[in-house]
C-alpha atoms as a PDB file:
ATOM      1  CA  MET A   1      43.978  -9.845  -5.488  1.00  0.00           C
ATOM      2  CA  LYS A   2      41.009  -8.659  -7.497  1.00  0.00           C
ATOM      3  CA  ALA A   3      41.954  -6.902 -10.700  1.00  0.00           C
ATOM      4  CA  GLY A   4      40.866  -3.328 -10.980  1.00  0.00           C
ATOM      5  CA  ARG A   5      40.635  -2.740  -7.227  1.00  0.00           C
ATOM      6  CA  TYR A   6      42.591  -0.147  -5.333  1.00  0.00           C
ATOM      7  CA  ASN A   7      44.239  -2.654  -3.052  1.00  0.00           C
ATOM      8  CA  ALA A   8      46.062  -0.004  -1.038  1.00  0.00           C
ATOM      9  CA  LEU A   9      42.660   1.226   0.164  1.00  0.00           C
ATOM     10  CA  ASP A  10      41.618  -2.334   1.045  1.00  0.00           C
ATOM     11  CA  THR A  11      44.950  -2.758   2.837  1.00  0.00           C
ATOM     12  CA  LEU A  12      44.415   0.417   4.850  1.00  0.00           C
ATOM     13  CA  ARG A  13      40.891  -0.712   5.716  1.00  0.00           C
ATOM     14  CA  GLY A  14      42.268  -4.093   6.751  1.00  0.00           C
ATOM     15  CA  LEU A  15      44.889  -2.438   8.963  1.00  0.00           C
ATOM     16  CA  LEU A  16      42.193  -0.336  10.611  1.00  0.00           C
ATOM     17  CA  LEU A  17      40.130  -3.486  11.073  1.00  0.00           C
ATOM     18  CA  VAL A  18      42.980  -5.323  12.836  1.00  0.00           C
ATOM     19  CA  ASN A  19      43.436  -2.329  15.143  1.00  0.00           C
ATOM     20  CA  MET A  20      39.706  -2.255  15.841  1.00  0.00           C
ATOM     21  CA  VAL A  21      39.633  -5.956  16.790  1.00  0.00           C
ATOM     22  CA  LEU A  22      42.628  -5.475  19.098  1.00  0.00           C
ATOM     23  CA  TYR A  23      41.047  -2.387  20.641  1.00  0.00           C
ATOM     24  CA  HIS A  24      37.758  -4.181  21.272  1.00  0.00           C
ATOM     25  CA  ALA A  25      39.580  -7.207  22.665  1.00  0.00           C
ATOM     26  CA  LEU A  26      41.098  -4.930  25.297  1.00  0.00           C
ATOM     27  CA  TYR A  27      37.759  -3.146  25.766  1.00  0.00           C
ATOM     28  CA  ASP A  28      36.116  -6.440  26.712  1.00  0.00           C
ATOM     29  CA  LEU A  29      39.054  -7.236  28.956  1.00  0.00           C
ATOM     30  CA  VAL A  30      38.826  -3.915  30.802  1.00  0.00           C
ATOM     31  CA  TYR A  31      35.114  -3.084  30.896  1.00  0.00           C
ATOM     32  CA  ILE A  32      33.503  -6.524  30.847  1.00  0.00           C
ATOM     33  CA  ARG A  33      36.112  -8.742  32.499  1.00  0.00           C
ATOM     34  CA  GLY A  34      37.301  -6.017  34.885  1.00  0.00           C
ATOM     35  CA  VAL A  35      41.039  -6.241  34.178  1.00  0.00           C
ATOM     36  CA  PRO A  36      42.718  -2.890  35.008  1.00  0.00           C
ATOM     37  CA  LEU A  37      44.803  -1.369  32.208  1.00  0.00           C
ATOM     38  CA  GLY A  38      45.677   2.213  33.072  1.00  0.00           C
ATOM     39  CA  TRP A  39      47.181   3.163  29.715  1.00  0.00           C
ATOM     40  CA  TYR A  40      44.117   1.866  27.873  1.00  0.00           C
ATOM     41  CA  THR A  41      41.671   4.025  29.834  1.00  0.00           C
ATOM     42  CA  GLY A  42      43.917   7.095  29.541  1.00  0.00           C
ATOM     43  CA  PRO A  43      44.973   9.425  26.715  1.00  0.00           C
ATOM     44  CA  VAL A  44      46.906   6.721  24.835  1.00  0.00           C
ATOM     45  CA  GLY A  45      43.887   4.426  24.598  1.00  0.00           C
ATOM     46  CA  TYR A  46      41.657   7.340  23.617  1.00  0.00           C
ATOM     47  CA  ALA A  47      44.049   8.443  20.863  1.00  0.00           C
ATOM     48  CA  TRP A  48      44.182   4.858  19.575  1.00  0.00           C
ATOM     49  CA  GLN A  49      40.386   4.592  19.513  1.00  0.00           C
ATOM     50  CA  GLN A  50      40.002   7.944  17.766  1.00  0.00           C
ATOM     51  CA  SER A  51      42.585   7.108  15.107  1.00  0.00           C
ATOM     52  CA  ILE A  52      40.662   3.951  14.218  1.00  0.00           C
ATOM     53  CA  CYS A  53      37.311   5.756  14.031  1.00  0.00           C
ATOM     54  CA  TRP A  54      38.645   8.717  12.092  1.00  0.00           C
ATOM     55  CA  GLY A  55      40.366   6.373   9.657  1.00  0.00           C
ATOM     56  CA  PHE A  56      37.236   4.320   8.935  1.00  0.00           C
ATOM     57  CA  ILE A  57      34.987   7.351   8.482  1.00  0.00           C
ATOM     58  CA  PHE A  58      37.441   9.326   6.336  1.00  0.00           C
ATOM     59  CA  LEU A  59      38.213   6.273   4.186  1.00  0.00           C
ATOM     60  CA  SER A  60      34.508   5.528   3.706  1.00  0.00           C
ATOM     61  CA  GLY A  61      33.953   9.050   2.398  1.00  0.00           C
ATOM     62  CA  PHE A  62      36.931   8.714   0.064  1.00  0.00           C
ATOM     63  CA  CYS A  63      35.596   5.422  -1.324  1.00  0.00           C
ATOM     64  CA  PHE A  64      32.000   6.593  -1.849  1.00  0.00           C
ATOM     65  CA  ARG A  65      32.400   7.175  -5.591  1.00  0.00           C
ATOM     66  CA  LEU A  66      34.353   3.934  -6.004  1.00  0.00           C
ATOM     67  CA  SER A  67      31.292   1.868  -5.105  1.00  0.00           C
ATOM     68  CA  HIS A  68      29.335   0.481  -8.057  1.00  0.00           C
ATOM     69  CA  HIS A  69      26.126   0.450  -5.980  1.00  0.00           C
ATOM     70  CA  PRO A  70      26.423   3.205  -3.352  1.00  0.00           C
ATOM     71  CA  LEU A  71      22.709   3.186  -2.488  1.00  0.00           C
ATOM     72  CA  ARG A  72      22.662  -0.564  -1.906  1.00  0.00           C
ATOM     73  CA  HIS A  73      25.902  -0.339   0.032  1.00  0.00           C
ATOM     74  CA  GLY A  74      24.505   2.421   2.263  1.00  0.00           C
ATOM     75  CA  LEU A  75      21.337   0.430   2.967  1.00  0.00           C
ATOM     76  CA  THR A  76      23.378  -2.695   3.737  1.00  0.00           C
ATOM     77  CA  VAL A  77      25.666  -0.907   6.193  1.00  0.00           C
ATOM     78  CA  LEU A  78      22.733   0.881   7.828  1.00  0.00           C
ATOM     79  CA  GLY A  79      20.912  -2.447   8.161  1.00  0.00           C
ATOM     80  CA  ALA A  80      24.009  -3.925   9.789  1.00  0.00           C
ATOM     81  CA  GLY A  81      24.043  -1.013  12.228  1.00  0.00           C
ATOM     82  CA  VAL A  82      20.415  -1.627  13.150  1.00  0.00           C
ATOM     83  CA  LEU A  83      21.209  -5.333  13.632  1.00  0.00           C
ATOM     84  CA  VAL A  84      24.075  -4.461  15.991  1.00  0.00           C
ATOM     85  CA  SER A  85      21.738  -2.219  18.004  1.00  0.00           C
ATOM     86  CA  LEU A  86      19.117  -4.964  18.300  1.00  0.00           C
ATOM     87  CA  CYS A  87      21.616  -7.658  19.270  1.00  0.00           C
ATOM     88  CA  THR A  88      23.479  -5.602  21.851  1.00  0.00           C
ATOM     89  CA  GLY A  89      20.207  -4.354  23.310  1.00  0.00           C
ATOM     90  CA  LEU A  90      18.998  -7.937  23.787  1.00  0.00           C
ATOM     91  CA  VAL A  91      22.234  -9.662  24.790  1.00  0.00           C
ATOM     92  CA  MET A  92      24.160  -6.912  26.622  1.00  0.00           C
ATOM     93  CA  PRO A  93      21.735  -4.117  27.582  1.00  0.00           C
ATOM     94  CA  ALA A  94      24.386  -2.420  29.720  1.00  0.00           C
ATOM     95  CA  GLU A  95      26.666  -2.207  26.665  1.00  0.00           C
ATOM     96  CA  SER A  96      23.987  -1.541  24.049  1.00  0.00           C
ATOM     97  CA  ILE A  97      24.980   0.366  20.922  1.00  0.00           C
ATOM     98  CA  LEU A  98      22.683   3.060  19.550  1.00  0.00           C
ATOM     99  CA  PHE A  99      23.754   5.110  16.541  1.00  0.00           C
ATOM    100  CA  GLY A 100      27.163   3.454  16.347  1.00  0.00           C
ATOM    101  CA  VAL A 101      29.738   3.738  13.601  1.00  0.00           C
ATOM    102  CA  LEU A 102      27.928   1.402  11.169  1.00  0.00           C
ATOM    103  CA  TYR A 103      24.749   3.417  11.596  1.00  0.00           C
ATOM    104  CA  LEU A 104      26.703   6.574  10.806  1.00  0.00           C
ATOM    105  CA  LEU A 105      28.430   5.135   7.729  1.00  0.00           C
ATOM    106  CA  GLY A 106      25.144   3.820   6.351  1.00  0.00           C
ATOM    107  CA  LEU A 107      23.347   7.130   6.901  1.00  0.00           C
ATOM    108  CA  ALA A 108      26.282   9.113   5.506  1.00  0.00           C
ATOM    109  CA  GLY A 109      26.270   7.012   2.341  1.00  0.00           C
ATOM    110  CA  LEU A 110      22.505   7.443   1.903  1.00  0.00           C
ATOM    111  CA  ILE A 111      22.690  11.198   2.513  1.00  0.00           C
ATOM    112  CA  GLN A 112      25.491  11.472  -0.014  1.00  0.00           C
ATOM    113  CA  CYS A 113      23.481   9.442  -2.534  1.00  0.00           C
ATOM    114  CA  GLY A 114      20.571  11.842  -2.103  1.00  0.00           C
ATOM    115  CA  VAL A 115      22.736  14.942  -2.466  1.00  0.00           C
ATOM    116  CA  TRP A 116      24.551  13.466  -5.455  1.00  0.00           C
ATOM    117  CA  TRP A 117      21.244  12.584  -7.179  1.00  0.00           C
ATOM    118  CA  LEU A 118      19.697  16.003  -6.452  1.00  0.00           C
ATOM    119  CA  TRP A 119      22.820  17.802  -7.681  1.00  0.00           C
ATOM    120  CA  ALA A 120      22.693  15.900 -10.973  1.00  0.00           C
ATOM    121  CA  ARG A 121      18.916  16.317 -11.253  1.00  0.00           C
ATOM    122  CA  LEU A 122      19.147  20.080 -10.893  1.00  0.00           C
ATOM    123  CA  LYS A 123      22.189  20.166 -13.219  1.00  0.00           C
ATOM    124  CA  LEU A 124      24.134  22.277 -10.753  1.00  0.00           C
ATOM    125  CA  PRO A 125      27.790  23.069 -11.500  1.00  0.00           C
ATOM    126  CA  PRO A 126      30.413  20.966  -9.705  1.00  0.00           C
ATOM    127  CA  TRP A 127      31.278  22.148  -6.210  1.00  0.00           C
ATOM    128  CA  PRO A 128      34.987  23.097  -6.022  1.00  0.00           C
ATOM    129  CA  ALA A 129      36.661  20.153  -4.289  1.00  0.00           C
ATOM    130  CA  TRP A 130      39.247  22.263  -2.449  1.00  0.00           C
ATOM    131  CA  LEU A 131      36.497  24.477  -1.063  1.00  0.00           C
ATOM    132  CA  GLY A 132      34.389  21.473  -0.044  1.00  0.00           C
ATOM    133  CA  LEU A 133      37.362  19.894   1.731  1.00  0.00           C
ATOM    134  CA  SER A 134      38.223  23.135   3.523  1.00  0.00           C
ATOM    135  CA  LEU A 135      34.648  23.840   4.642  1.00  0.00           C
ATOM    136  CA  SER A 136      34.088  20.226   5.730  1.00  0.00           C
ATOM    137  CA  ALA A 137      37.284  20.237   7.814  1.00  0.00           C
ATOM    138  CA  LEU A 138      36.271  23.555   9.384  1.00  0.00           C
ATOM    139  CA  ALA A 139      32.762  22.280  10.111  1.00  0.00           C
ATOM    140  CA  PHE A 140      34.170  19.144  11.727  1.00  0.00           C
ATOM    141  CA  PHE A 141      36.488  21.246  13.873  1.00  0.00           C
ATOM    142  CA  LEU A 142      33.694  23.594  14.963  1.00  0.00           C
ATOM    143  CA  THR A 143      31.084  20.888  15.669  1.00  0.00           C
ATOM    144  CA  ARG A 144      33.267  18.185  17.271  1.00  0.00           C
ATOM    145  CA  GLY A 145      31.890  19.103  20.698  1.00  0.00           C
ATOM    146  CA  VAL A 146      28.219  19.465  19.707  1.00  0.00           C
ATOM    147  CA  PRO A 147      27.177  16.120  21.290  1.00  0.00           C
ATOM    148  CA  GLN A 148      28.771  17.380  24.522  1.00  0.00           C
ATOM    149  CA  GLY A 149      26.933  20.710  24.384  1.00  0.00           C
ATOM    150  CA  TYR A 150      29.394  23.147  22.847  1.00  0.00           C
ATOM    151  CA  LEU A 151      30.973  24.348  19.620  1.00  0.00           C
ATOM    152  CA  GLY A 152      34.642  23.502  19.558  1.00  0.00           C
ATOM    153  CA  PHE A 153      37.146  20.694  19.241  1.00  0.00           C
ATOM    154  CA  GLN A 154      38.383  18.129  21.781  1.00  0.00           C
ATOM    155  CA  GLY A 155      37.630  20.228  24.856  1.00  0.00           C
ATOM    156  CA  LEU A 156      38.322  23.610  23.229  1.00  0.00           C
ATOM    157  CA  ARG A 157      34.992  25.234  24.093  1.00  0.00           C
ATOM    158  CA  LEU A 158      34.339  28.121  21.714  1.00  0.00           C
ATOM    159  CA  LEU A 159      30.622  28.521  22.437  1.00  0.00           C
ATOM    160  CA  GLU A 160      28.240  26.808  24.855  1.00  0.00           C
ATOM    161  CA  LEU A 161      25.035  25.609  23.190  1.00  0.00           C
ATOM    162  CA  PRO A 162      21.627  26.157  24.827  1.00  0.00           C
ATOM    163  CA  GLY A 163      20.421  23.283  26.993  1.00  0.00           C
ATOM    164  CA  TRP A 164      16.967  23.154  25.385  1.00  0.00           C
ATOM    165  CA  LEU A 165      18.568  21.576  22.301  1.00  0.00           C
ATOM    166  CA  TYR A 166      19.303  18.455  24.357  1.00  0.00           C
ATOM    167  CA  GLN A 167      15.824  17.592  25.659  1.00  0.00           C
ATOM    168  CA  TRP A 168      14.855  14.768  23.288  1.00  0.00           C
ATOM    169  CA  ASP A 169      16.606  11.413  23.045  1.00  0.00           C
ATOM    170  CA  TRP A 170      15.425  10.908  19.457  1.00  0.00           C
ATOM    171  CA  LEU A 171      17.661  13.788  18.342  1.00  0.00           C
ATOM    172  CA  ALA A 172      20.712  11.781  19.423  1.00  0.00           C
ATOM    173  CA  VAL A 173      21.141  10.554  15.846  1.00  0.00           C
ATOM    174  CA  VAL A 174      21.724  14.163  14.761  1.00  0.00           C
ATOM    175  CA  GLY A 175      24.181  14.867  17.575  1.00  0.00           C
ATOM    176  CA  LEU A 176      21.882  16.348  20.225  1.00  0.00           C
ATOM    177  CA  PRO A 177      21.462  13.526  22.789  1.00  0.00           C
ATOM    178  CA  GLY A 178      18.805  13.932  25.471  1.00  0.00           C
ATOM    179  CA  PRO A 179      19.439  13.347  29.198  1.00  0.00           C
ATOM    180  CA  GLY A 180      18.269   9.724  29.023  1.00  0.00           C
ATOM    181  CA  PHE A 181      20.380   8.700  26.035  1.00  0.00           C
ATOM    182  CA  ALA A 182      23.207   6.196  26.483  1.00  0.00           C
ATOM    183  CA  SER A 183      25.279   4.205  24.012  1.00  0.00           C
ATOM    184  CA  SER A 184      28.600   2.376  24.286  1.00  0.00           C
ATOM    185  CA  ASP A 185      29.453   3.361  20.685  1.00  0.00           C
ATOM    186  CA  TYR A 186      28.050   6.716  19.577  1.00  0.00           C
ATOM    187  CA  PHE A 187      28.731   8.412  16.233  1.00  0.00           C
ATOM    188  CA  PRO A 188      26.033  10.979  15.395  1.00  0.00           C
ATOM    189  CA  ILE A 189      25.692  12.771  12.082  1.00  0.00           C
ATOM    190  CA  ILE A 190      27.107  15.930  13.662  1.00  0.00           C
ATOM    191  CA  PRO A 191      30.101  16.115  13.668  1.00  0.00           C
ATOM    192  CA  TRP A 192      31.093  12.873  11.945  1.00  0.00           C
ATOM    193  CA  PHE A 193      29.393  13.428   8.605  1.00  0.00           C
ATOM    194  CA  PHE A 194      31.751  16.349   8.041  1.00  0.00           C
ATOM    195  CA  LEU A 195      34.752  14.027   8.438  1.00  0.00           C
ATOM    196  CA  TYR A 196      33.109  11.680   5.924  1.00  0.00           C
ATOM    197  CA  LEU A 197      32.815  14.639   3.549  1.00  0.00           C
ATOM    198  CA  CYS A 198      36.501  15.420   4.027  1.00  0.00           C
ATOM    199  CA  GLY A 199      37.271  11.986   2.607  1.00  0.00           C
ATOM    200  CA  TYR A 200      34.780  12.466  -0.210  1.00  0.00           C
ATOM    201  CA  PHE A 201      36.198  15.838  -1.273  1.00  0.00           C
ATOM    202  CA  LEU A 202      39.738  14.494  -1.120  1.00  0.00           C
ATOM    203  CA  TRP A 203      38.653  11.862  -3.652  1.00  0.00           C
ATOM    204  CA  CYS A 204      37.180  14.680  -5.759  1.00  0.00           C
ATOM    205  CA  LEU A 205      40.613  16.301  -5.743  1.00  0.00           C
ATOM    206  CA  VAL A 206      42.664  13.228  -6.686  1.00  0.00           C
ATOM    207  CA  GLY A 207      40.221  10.640  -8.081  1.00  0.00           C
ATOM    208  CA  HIS A 208      40.604  11.854 -11.650  1.00  0.00           C
ATOM    209  CA  LYS A 209      44.409  11.946 -11.450  1.00  0.00           C
ATOM    210  CA  LYS A 210      45.495   8.660 -12.962  1.00  0.00           C
ATOM    211  CA  ARG A 211      49.074   8.848 -11.730  1.00  0.00           C
ATOM    212  CA  ILE A 212      47.942   9.167  -8.104  1.00  0.00           C
ATOM    213  CA  MET A 213      45.220   6.517  -8.332  1.00  0.00           C
ATOM    214  CA  GLU A 214      47.585   4.019  -9.987  1.00  0.00           C
ATOM    215  CA  LYS A 215      49.736   4.164  -6.863  1.00  0.00           C
ATOM    216  CA  LEU A 216      46.748   2.904  -4.853  1.00  0.00           C
ATOM    217  CA  LYS A 217      46.501  -0.378  -6.771  1.00  0.00           C
ATOM    218  CA  PRO A 218      49.263  -2.388  -5.035  1.00  0.00           C
ATOM    219  CA  GLY A 219      48.541  -3.674  -1.530  1.00  0.00           C
ATOM    220  CA  LEU A 220      49.300  -6.326   1.066  1.00  0.00           C
ATOM    221  CA  ARG A 221      47.284  -9.442   0.270  1.00  0.00           C
ATOM    222  CA  PRO A 222      46.196 -10.549   3.800  1.00  0.00           C
ATOM    223  CA  LEU A 223      45.208  -7.058   4.923  1.00  0.00           C
ATOM    224  CA  ALA A 224      43.529  -6.303   1.585  1.00  0.00           C
ATOM    225  CA  PHE A 225      41.484  -9.492   1.939  1.00  0.00           C
ATOM    226  CA  LEU A 226      40.316  -8.405   5.391  1.00  0.00           C
ATOM    227  CA  GLY A 227      39.555  -4.938   4.059  1.00  0.00           C
ATOM    228  CA  ARG A 228      37.344  -6.311   1.307  1.00  0.00           C
ATOM    229  CA  HIS A 229      35.329  -8.252   3.913  1.00  0.00           C
ATOM    230  CA  SER A 230      35.348  -5.611   6.625  1.00  0.00           C
ATOM    231  CA  LEU A 231      31.595  -5.617   7.271  1.00  0.00           C
ATOM    232  CA  VAL A 232      31.510  -9.380   7.895  1.00  0.00           C
ATOM    233  CA  VAL A 233      34.543  -9.163  10.193  1.00  0.00           C
ATOM    234  CA  TYR A 234      32.986  -6.232  12.048  1.00  0.00           C
ATOM    235  CA  LEU A 235      29.763  -8.128  12.689  1.00  0.00           C
ATOM    236  CA  LEU A 236      31.500 -11.318  13.814  1.00  0.00           C
ATOM    237  CA  HIS A 237      34.482 -10.107  15.813  1.00  0.00           C
ATOM    238  CA  GLN A 238      32.684  -9.151  19.036  1.00  0.00           C
ATOM    239  CA  PRO A 239      30.738 -12.437  19.370  1.00  0.00           C
ATOM    240  CA  ALA A 240      34.012 -14.259  18.689  1.00  0.00           C
ATOM    241  CA  LEU A 241      35.848 -12.229  21.336  1.00  0.00           C
ATOM    242  CA  LEU A 242      33.121 -12.764  23.928  1.00  0.00           C
ATOM    243  CA  ALA A 243      33.087 -16.495  23.191  1.00  0.00           C
ATOM    244  CA  PHE A 244      36.870 -16.575  23.591  1.00  0.00           C
ATOM    245  CA  TYR A 245      36.732 -14.860  26.985  1.00  0.00           C
ATOM    246  CA  MET A 246      33.961 -17.207  28.114  1.00  0.00           C
ATOM    247  CA  LEU A 247      36.110 -20.206  27.149  1.00  0.00           C
ATOM    248  CA  ILE A 248      39.198 -19.041  29.019  1.00  0.00           C
ATOM    249  CA  GLY A 249      37.096 -18.002  32.016  1.00  0.00           C
ATOM    250  CA  GLY A 250      39.158 -17.123  35.061  1.00  0.00           C
ATOM    251  CA  ASN A 251      42.424 -17.483  33.165  1.00  0.00           C
ATOM    252  CA  VAL A 252      41.925 -14.036  31.670  1.00  0.00           C
ATOM    253  CA  TYR A 253      44.464 -12.517  34.085  1.00  0.00           C
ATOM    254  CA  ALA A 254      47.100 -14.840  32.693  1.00  0.00           C
ATOM    255  CA  LEU A 255      46.968 -13.197  29.263  1.00  0.00           C
END
């Protein structure tokens, strides 16, 4: 393992990555190959999918200050998100991805770079980490349903939002998708940037505590290796899965 890395974070990222590949393998099986899996399309599958997404976004926020080149990293991830959108739009238009999770993580990193630079430029006092974490968690809770037209969390509708906010497809990146917008993987800035900030402010709380951070140095070698190369694995896993299903053809029901 690389010296000086927090291998526990790489291990966690690797574990999330393995779960993501398994989830997408079943997604292709169900929605592309047409194999019925009731548990996958129900609450269990949804909870699994959400745990993977929440984990990646929260962990990315936590690791923002651990990057030596956060601006370059944000641009790279955003570029990868644009590449995914182009490829899925050309190869699988019915399953095209617009403003997916890579797009979100890239934008979140760039926004955070801008805020961080402006904060230092204006020489503003540090924002209390506990307050930032609390407000970010509250904002995520309140705005979780914004893309669906309401303030609230997971179906808890606290306030319906006016329909005129959802007239333009180009506002989908913010979290206000128009009537013609469609994406098979959709993670807008609202609400997900607030979850990213939860991870960031948690790092602000513990990142300077040597005793806590030292505990994050050990990790599991295979998963840590995957975690360190997560972007490459993310970009390659779907083409590999589709190629696999093409090779096995009609034998897919025998899996």
